[in-house]
Amino acid sequence: MREPQVKNPEFKPRSIDVEWESISPKIMYKILVLPIKIKQAIKLIDSTIEIANPPDYEEIFEERQYQYALKRNI
């Protein structure tokens, strides 16, 4: 059975020492919402498990590739 070789992305913007006031509100919103988009992508990927076909479970990997490409675009 194939399985992912790379862990799911993790991003914690609030743990970064940044002068948030120096960032435009629009950019700050996009940065702070990114962890939510990552969680949504992971949920969609996990839901693909129910429809994936053995032995390679290609649907999971296709959804994973699609979601990570989509969610990284800020």
PDB file of N, CA and C in Angstrom:
ATOM      1  N   MET A   1       0.840  -1.193   0.000  1.00  0.00           N
ATOM      2  CA  MET A   1       0.000   0.000   0.000  1.00  0.00           C
ATOM      3  C   MET A   1       0.882   1.252   0.000  1.00  0.00           C
ATOM      4  N   ARG A   2       0.531   2.205  -0.832  1.00  0.00           N
ATOM      5  CA  ARG A   2       1.249   3.474  -0.852  1.00  0.00           C
ATOM      6  C   ARG A   2       0.808   4.322   0.322  1.00  0.00           C
ATOM      7  N   GLU A   3       1.720   5.130   0.826  1.00  0.00           N
ATOM      8  CA  GLU A   3       1.372   6.065   1.883  1.00  0.00           C
ATOM      9  C   GLU A   3       2.221   7.319   1.731  1.00  0.00           C
ATOM     10  N   PRO A   4       1.732   8.449   2.228  1.00  0.00           N
ATOM     11  CA  PRO A   4       2.479   9.702   2.081  1.00  0.00           C
ATOM     12  C   PRO A   4       3.856   9.618   2.743  1.00  0.00           C
ATOM     13  N   GLN A   5       4.824  10.219   2.106  1.00  0.00           N
ATOM     14  CA  GLN A   5       6.186  10.258   2.636  1.00  0.00           C
ATOM     15  C   GLN A   5       6.458  11.560   3.385  1.00  0.00           C
ATOM     16  N   VAL A   6       5.576  12.537   3.208  1.00  0.00           N
ATOM     17  CA  VAL A   6       5.756  13.853   3.818  1.00  0.00           C
ATOM     18  C   VAL A   6       4.571  14.133   4.730  1.00  0.00           C
ATOM     19  N   LYS A   7       4.851  14.701   5.887  1.00  0.00           N
ATOM     20  CA  LYS A   7       3.780  15.042   6.828  1.00  0.00           C
ATOM     21  C   LYS A   7       2.932  16.183   6.281  1.00  0.00           C
ATOM     22  N   ASN A   8       1.731  16.294   6.821  1.00  0.00           N
ATOM     23  CA  ASN A   8       0.860  17.406   6.464  1.00  0.00           C
ATOM     24  C   ASN A   8       1.541  18.717   6.862  1.00  0.00           C
ATOM     25  N   PRO A   9       1.327  19.782   6.094  1.00  0.00           N
ATOM     26  CA  PRO A   9       1.942  21.058   6.446  1.00  0.00           C
ATOM     27  C   PRO A   9       1.370  21.604   7.751  1.00  0.00           C
ATOM     28  N   GLU A  10       2.199  22.316   8.455  1.00  0.00           N
ATOM     29  CA  GLU A  10       1.773  22.942   9.713  1.00  0.00           C
ATOM     30  C   GLU A  10       2.308  24.362   9.698  1.00  0.00           C
ATOM     31  N   PHE A  11       1.456  25.300  10.013  1.00  0.00           N
ATOM     32  CA  PHE A  11       1.854  26.704  10.011  1.00  0.00           C
ATOM     33  C   PHE A  11       1.181  27.392  11.169  1.00  0.00           C
ATOM     34  N   LYS A  12       1.978  27.991  12.043  1.00  0.00           N
ATOM     35  CA  LYS A  12       1.466  28.691  13.219  1.00  0.00           C
ATOM     36  C   LYS A  12       1.949  30.133  13.185  1.00  0.00           C
ATOM     37  N   PRO A  13       1.218  30.989  12.494  1.00  0.00           N
ATOM     38  CA  PRO A  13       1.687  32.369  12.328  1.00  0.00           C
ATOM     39  C   PRO A  13       1.774  33.149  13.634  1.00  0.00           C
ATOM     40  N   ARG A  14       0.962  32.817  14.598  1.00  0.00           N
ATOM     41  CA  ARG A  14       0.984  33.561  15.863  1.00  0.00           C
ATOM     42  C   ARG A  14       2.231  33.256  16.696  1.00  0.00           C
ATOM     43  N   SER A  15       2.942  32.194  16.343  1.00  0.00           N
ATOM     44  CA  SER A  15       4.158  31.863  17.071  1.00  0.00           C
ATOM     45  C   SER A  15       5.379  32.595  16.511  1.00  0.00           C
ATOM     46  N   ILE A  16       5.190  33.331  15.431  1.00  0.00           N
ATOM     47  CA  ILE A  16       6.283  34.070  14.796  1.00  0.00           C
ATOM     48  C   ILE A  16       6.349  35.471  15.399  1.00  0.00           C
ATOM     49  N   ASP A  17       7.557  35.900  15.703  1.00  0.00           N
ATOM     50  CA  ASP A  17       7.757  37.240  16.256  1.00  0.00           C
ATOM     51  C   ASP A  17       7.726  38.252  15.111  1.00  0.00           C
ATOM     52  N   VAL A  18       6.568  38.881  14.949  1.00  0.00           N
ATOM     53  CA  VAL A  18       6.347  39.804  13.840  1.00  0.00           C
ATOM     54  C   VAL A  18       5.683  41.067  14.374  1.00  0.00           C
ATOM     55  N   GLU A  19       6.032  42.186  13.771  1.00  0.00           N
ATOM     56  CA  GLU A  19       5.326  43.437  14.057  1.00  0.00           C
ATOM     57  C   GLU A  19       4.075  43.456  13.188  1.00  0.00           C
ATOM     58  N   TRP A  20       2.989  42.870  13.703  1.00  0.00           N
ATOM     59  CA  TRP A  20       1.777  42.700  12.910  1.00  0.00           C
ATOM     60  C   TRP A  20       1.215  44.029  12.417  1.00  0.00           C
ATOM     61  N   GLU A  21       1.461  45.106  13.159  1.00  0.00           N
ATOM     62  CA  GLU A  21       0.945  46.414  12.747  1.00  0.00           C
ATOM     63  C   GLU A  21       1.617  46.910  11.471  1.00  0.00           C
ATOM     64  N   SER A  22       2.786  46.356  11.146  1.00  0.00           N
ATOM     65  CA  SER A  22       3.511  46.802   9.950  1.00  0.00           C
ATOM     66  C   SER A  22       3.015  46.106   8.681  1.00  0.00           C
ATOM     67  N   ILE A  23       2.119  45.156   8.829  1.00  0.00           N
ATOM     68  CA  ILE A  23       1.599  44.406   7.691  1.00  0.00           C
ATOM     69  C   ILE A  23       0.211  44.941   7.343  1.00  0.00           C
ATOM     70  N   SER A  24      -0.056  45.061   6.074  1.00  0.00           N
ATOM     71  CA  SER A  24      -1.380  45.552   5.674  1.00  0.00           C
ATOM     72  C   SER A  24      -2.454  44.569   6.151  1.00  0.00           C
ATOM     73  N   PRO A  25      -3.629  45.086   6.506  1.00  0.00           N
ATOM     74  CA  PRO A  25      -4.706  44.203   6.986  1.00  0.00           C
ATOM     75  C   PRO A  25      -5.056  43.075   6.015  1.00  0.00           C
ATOM     76  N   LYS A  26      -5.016  43.363   4.722  1.00  0.00           N
ATOM     77  CA  LYS A  26      -5.356  42.350   3.719  1.00  0.00           C
ATOM     78  C   LYS A  26      -4.341  41.198   3.753  1.00  0.00           C
ATOM     79  N   ILE A  27      -3.068  41.529   3.802  1.00  0.00           N
ATOM     80  CA  ILE A  27      -2.024  40.500   3.863  1.00  0.00           C
ATOM     81  C   ILE A  27      -2.079  39.772   5.206  1.00  0.00           C
ATOM     82  N   MET A  28      -2.295  40.509   6.289  1.00  0.00           N
ATOM     83  CA  MET A  28      -2.374  39.884   7.609  1.00  0.00           C
ATOM     84  C   MET A  28      -3.515  38.870   7.655  1.00  0.00           C
ATOM     85  N   TYR A  29      -4.651  39.200   7.085  1.00  0.00           N
ATOM     86  CA  TYR A  29      -5.779  38.275   7.056  1.00  0.00           C
ATOM     87  C   TYR A  29      -5.404  36.999   6.311  1.00  0.00           C
ATOM     88  N   LYS A  30      -4.747  37.154   5.145  1.00  0.00           N
ATOM     89  CA  LYS A  30      -4.362  35.987   4.358  1.00  0.00           C
ATOM     90  C   LYS A  30      -3.381  35.100   5.121  1.00  0.00           C
ATOM     91  N   ILE A  31      -2.493  35.705   5.879  1.00  0.00           N
ATOM     92  CA  ILE A  31      -1.529  34.931   6.679  1.00  0.00           C
ATOM     93  C   ILE A  31      -2.248  34.193   7.800  1.00  0.00           C
ATOM     94  N   LEU A  32      -3.111  34.889   8.516  1.00  0.00           N
ATOM     95  CA  LEU A  32      -3.767  34.296   9.681  1.00  0.00           C
ATOM     96  C   LEU A  32      -4.816  33.251   9.311  1.00  0.00           C
ATOM     97  N   VAL A  33      -5.381  33.317   8.108  1.00  0.00           N
ATOM     98  CA  VAL A  33      -6.396  32.346   7.691  1.00  0.00           C
ATOM     99  C   VAL A  33      -5.760  31.081   7.099  1.00  0.00           C
ATOM    100  N   LEU A  34      -4.478  31.119   6.788  1.00  0.00           N
ATOM    101  CA  LEU A  34      -3.816  29.971   6.177  1.00  0.00           C
ATOM    102  C   LEU A  34      -3.929  28.683   7.006  1.00  0.00           C
ATOM    103  N   PRO A  35      -3.750  28.712   8.339  1.00  0.00           N
ATOM    104  CA  PRO A  35      -3.930  27.468   9.105  1.00  0.00           C
ATOM    105  C   PRO A  35      -5.339  26.880   8.974  1.00  0.00           C
ATOM    106  N   ILE A  36      -6.345  27.720   8.850  1.00  0.00           N
ATOM    107  CA  ILE A  36      -7.717  27.238   8.668  1.00  0.00           C
ATOM    108  C   ILE A  36      -7.845  26.559   7.305  1.00  0.00           C
ATOM    109  N   LYS A  37      -7.244  27.151   6.278  1.00  0.00           N
ATOM    110  CA  LYS A  37      -7.285  26.540   4.945  1.00  0.00           C
ATOM    111  C   LYS A  37      -6.558  25.197   4.930  1.00  0.00           C
ATOM    112  N   ILE A  38      -5.472  25.101   5.680  1.00  0.00           N
ATOM    113  CA  ILE A  38      -4.744  23.832   5.762  1.00  0.00           C
ATOM    114  C   ILE A  38      -5.622  22.765   6.406  1.00  0.00           C
ATOM    115  N   LYS A  39      -6.305  23.107   7.495  1.00  0.00           N
ATOM    116  CA  LYS A  39      -7.195  22.151   8.166  1.00  0.00           C
ATOM    117  C   LYS A  39      -8.325  21.710   7.232  1.00  0.00           C
ATOM    118  N   GLN A  40      -8.876  22.646   6.478  1.00  0.00           N
ATOM    119  CA  GLN A  40      -9.940  22.301   5.531  1.00  0.00           C
ATOM    120  C   GLN A  40      -9.425  21.345   4.461  1.00  0.00           C
ATOM    121  N   ALA A  41      -8.229  21.595   3.973  1.00  0.00           N
ATOM    122  CA  ALA A  41      -7.639  20.724   2.957  1.00  0.00           C
ATOM    123  C   ALA A  41      -7.430  19.322   3.504  1.00  0.00           C
ATOM    124  N   ILE A  42      -6.940  19.229   4.738  1.00  0.00           N
ATOM    125  CA  ILE A  42      -6.701  17.923   5.356  1.00  0.00           C
ATOM    126  C   ILE A  42      -8.015  17.157   5.521  1.00  0.00           C
ATOM    127  N   LYS A  43      -9.076  17.849   5.896  1.00  0.00           N
ATOM    128  CA  LYS A  43     -10.379  17.193   6.032  1.00  0.00           C
ATOM    129  C   LYS A  43     -10.862  16.657   4.685  1.00  0.00           C
ATOM    130  N   LEU A  44     -10.693  17.429   3.631  1.00  0.00           N
ATOM    131  CA  LEU A  44     -11.104  16.966   2.306  1.00  0.00           C
ATOM    132  C   LEU A  44     -10.268  15.771   1.852  1.00  0.00           C
ATOM    133  N   ILE A  45      -8.995  15.803   2.136  1.00  0.00           N
ATOM    134  CA  ILE A  45      -8.119  14.681   1.788  1.00  0.00           C
ATOM    135  C   ILE A  45      -8.537  13.441   2.562  1.00  0.00           C
ATOM    136  N   ASP A  46      -8.762  13.599   3.863  1.00  0.00           N
ATOM    137  CA  ASP A  46      -9.173  12.461   4.688  1.00  0.00           C
ATOM    138  C   ASP A  46     -10.505  11.881   4.245  1.00  0.00           C
ATOM    139  N   SER A  47     -11.412  12.723   3.767  1.00  0.00           N
ATOM    140  CA  SER A  47     -12.713  12.212   3.322  1.00  0.00           C
ATOM    141  C   SER A  47     -12.585  11.399   2.034  1.00  0.00           C
ATOM    142  N   THR A  48     -11.516  11.585   1.295  1.00  0.00           N
ATOM    143  CA  THR A  48     -11.282  10.835   0.066  1.00  0.00           C
ATOM    144  C   THR A  48     -10.994   9.366   0.358  1.00  0.00           C
ATOM    145  N   ILE A  49     -10.566   9.066   1.565  1.00  0.00           N
ATOM    146  CA  ILE A  49     -10.250   7.690   1.955  1.00  0.00           C
ATOM    147  C   ILE A  49     -11.461   6.777   1.742  1.00  0.00           C
ATOM    148  N   GLU A  50     -12.656   7.319   1.963  1.00  0.00           N
ATOM    149  CA  GLU A  50     -13.873   6.519   1.842  1.00  0.00           C
ATOM    150  C   GLU A  50     -14.143   6.054   0.407  1.00  0.00           C
ATOM    151  N   ILE A  51     -13.657   6.800  -0.574  1.00  0.00           N
ATOM    152  CA  ILE A  51     -13.937   6.435  -1.973  1.00  0.00           C
ATOM    153  C   ILE A  51     -12.707   5.906  -2.706  1.00  0.00           C
ATOM    154  N   ALA A  52     -11.571   5.860  -2.040  1.00  0.00           N
ATOM    155  CA  ALA A  52     -10.327   5.432  -2.691  1.00  0.00           C
ATOM    156  C   ALA A  52     -10.327   3.926  -2.946  1.00  0.00           C
ATOM    157  N   ASN A  53      -9.686   3.542  -4.037  1.00  0.00           N
ATOM    158  CA  ASN A  53      -9.632   2.140  -4.434  1.00  0.00           C
ATOM    159  C   ASN A  53      -8.249   1.538  -4.177  1.00  0.00           C
ATOM    160  N   PRO A  54      -8.248   0.362  -3.536  1.00  0.00           N
ATOM    161  CA  PRO A  54      -6.965  -0.321  -3.331  1.00  0.00           C
ATOM    162  C   PRO A  54      -6.421  -0.842  -4.654  1.00  0.00           C
ATOM    163  N   PRO A  55      -5.202  -1.197  -4.801  1.00  0.00           N
ATOM    164  CA  PRO A  55      -4.169  -1.226  -3.768  1.00  0.00           C
ATOM    165  C   PRO A  55      -3.394   0.084  -3.655  1.00  0.00           C
ATOM    166  N   ASP A  56      -3.486   0.974  -4.660  1.00  0.00           N
ATOM    167  CA  ASP A  56      -2.648   2.177  -4.630  1.00  0.00           C
ATOM    168  C   ASP A  56      -3.324   3.417  -4.049  1.00  0.00           C
ATOM    169  N   TYR A  57      -4.625   3.396  -3.944  1.00  0.00           N
ATOM    170  CA  TYR A  57      -5.380   4.519  -3.380  1.00  0.00           C
ATOM    171  C   TYR A  57      -5.017   5.836  -4.068  1.00  0.00           C
ATOM    172  N   GLU A  58      -4.983   5.805  -5.390  1.00  0.00           N
ATOM    173  CA  GLU A  58      -4.563   6.966  -6.169  1.00  0.00           C
ATOM    174  C   GLU A  58      -5.411   8.209  -5.896  1.00  0.00           C
ATOM    175  N   GLU A  59      -6.694   8.001  -5.621  1.00  0.00           N
ATOM    176  CA  GLU A  59      -7.586   9.138  -5.387  1.00  0.00           C
ATOM    177  C   GLU A  59      -7.116  10.000  -4.219  1.00  0.00           C
ATOM    178  N   ILE A  60      -6.580   9.366  -3.190  1.00  0.00           N
ATOM    179  CA  ILE A  60      -6.099  10.117  -2.025  1.00  0.00           C
ATOM    180  C   ILE A  60      -4.925  11.003  -2.426  1.00  0.00           C
ATOM    181  N   PHE A  61      -4.000  10.435  -3.176  1.00  0.00           N
ATOM    182  CA  PHE A  61      -2.815  11.192  -3.566  1.00  0.00           C
ATOM    183  C   PHE A  61      -3.152  12.309  -4.549  1.00  0.00           C
ATOM    184  N   GLU A  62      -4.109  12.049  -5.413  1.00  0.00           N
ATOM    185  CA  GLU A  62      -4.548  13.091  -6.347  1.00  0.00           C
ATOM    186  C   GLU A  62      -5.198  14.248  -5.591  1.00  0.00           C
ATOM    187  N   GLU A  63      -6.057  13.925  -4.628  1.00  0.00           N
ATOM    188  CA  GLU A  63      -6.727  14.964  -3.837  1.00  0.00           C
ATOM    189  C   GLU A  63      -5.711  15.724  -2.986  1.00  0.00           C
ATOM    190  N   ARG A  64      -4.762  15.002  -2.429  1.00  0.00           N
ATOM    191  CA  ARG A  64      -3.714  15.630  -1.611  1.00  0.00           C
ATOM    192  C   ARG A  64      -2.912  16.625  -2.461  1.00  0.00           C
ATOM    193  N   GLN A  65      -2.511  16.203  -3.628  1.00  0.00           N
ATOM    194  CA  GLN A  65      -1.747  17.082  -4.511  1.00  0.00           C
ATOM    195  C   GLN A  65      -2.577  18.313  -4.893  1.00  0.00           C
ATOM    196  N   TYR A  66      -3.823  18.090  -5.246  1.00  0.00           N
ATOM    197  CA  TYR A  66      -4.700  19.196  -5.639  1.00  0.00           C
ATOM    198  C   TYR A  66      -4.912  20.181  -4.489  1.00  0.00           C
ATOM    199  N   GLN A  67      -5.263  19.665  -3.310  1.00  0.00           N
ATOM    200  CA  GLN A  67      -5.556  20.534  -2.172  1.00  0.00           C
ATOM    201  C   GLN A  67      -4.343  21.344  -1.732  1.00  0.00           C
ATOM    202  N   TYR A  68      -3.182  20.732  -1.687  1.00  0.00           N
ATOM    203  CA  TYR A  68      -1.995  21.464  -1.256  1.00  0.00           C
ATOM    204  C   TYR A  68      -1.586  22.506  -2.289  1.00  0.00           C
ATOM    205  N   ALA A  69      -1.784  22.220  -3.557  1.00  0.00           N
ATOM    206  CA  ALA A  69      -1.491  23.220  -4.586  1.00  0.00           C
ATOM    207  C   ALA A  69      -2.483  24.375  -4.492  1.00  0.00           C
ATOM    208  N   LEU A  70      -3.739  24.060  -4.250  1.00  0.00           N
ATOM    209  CA  LEU A  70      -4.783  25.071  -4.153  1.00  0.00           C
ATOM    210  C   LEU A  70      -4.618  25.930  -2.926  1.00  0.00           C
ATOM    211  N   LYS A  71      -4.377  25.355  -1.786  1.00  0.00           N
ATOM    212  CA  LYS A  71      -4.358  26.090  -0.529  1.00  0.00           C
ATOM    213  C   LYS A  71      -3.086  26.911  -0.323  1.00  0.00           C
ATOM    214  N   ARG A  72      -2.026  26.600  -1.047  1.00  0.00           N
ATOM    215  CA  ARG A  72      -0.804  27.381  -0.897  1.00  0.00           C
ATOM    216  C   ARG A  72      -0.877  28.690  -1.646  1.00  0.00           C
ATOM    217  N   ASN A  73      -1.816  28.799  -2.558  1.00  0.00           N
ATOM    218  CA  ASN A  73      -1.922  30.011  -3.355  1.00  0.00           C
ATOM    219  C   ASN A  73      -2.597  31.093  -2.533  1.00  0.00           C
ATOM    220  N   ILE A  74      -1.829  32.032  -2.064  1.00  0.00           N
ATOM    221  CA  ILE A  74      -2.374  33.098  -1.193  1.00  0.00           C
ATOM    222  C   ILE A  74      -2.784  34.278  -2.022  1.00  0.00           C
TER     223      ILE A  74
END
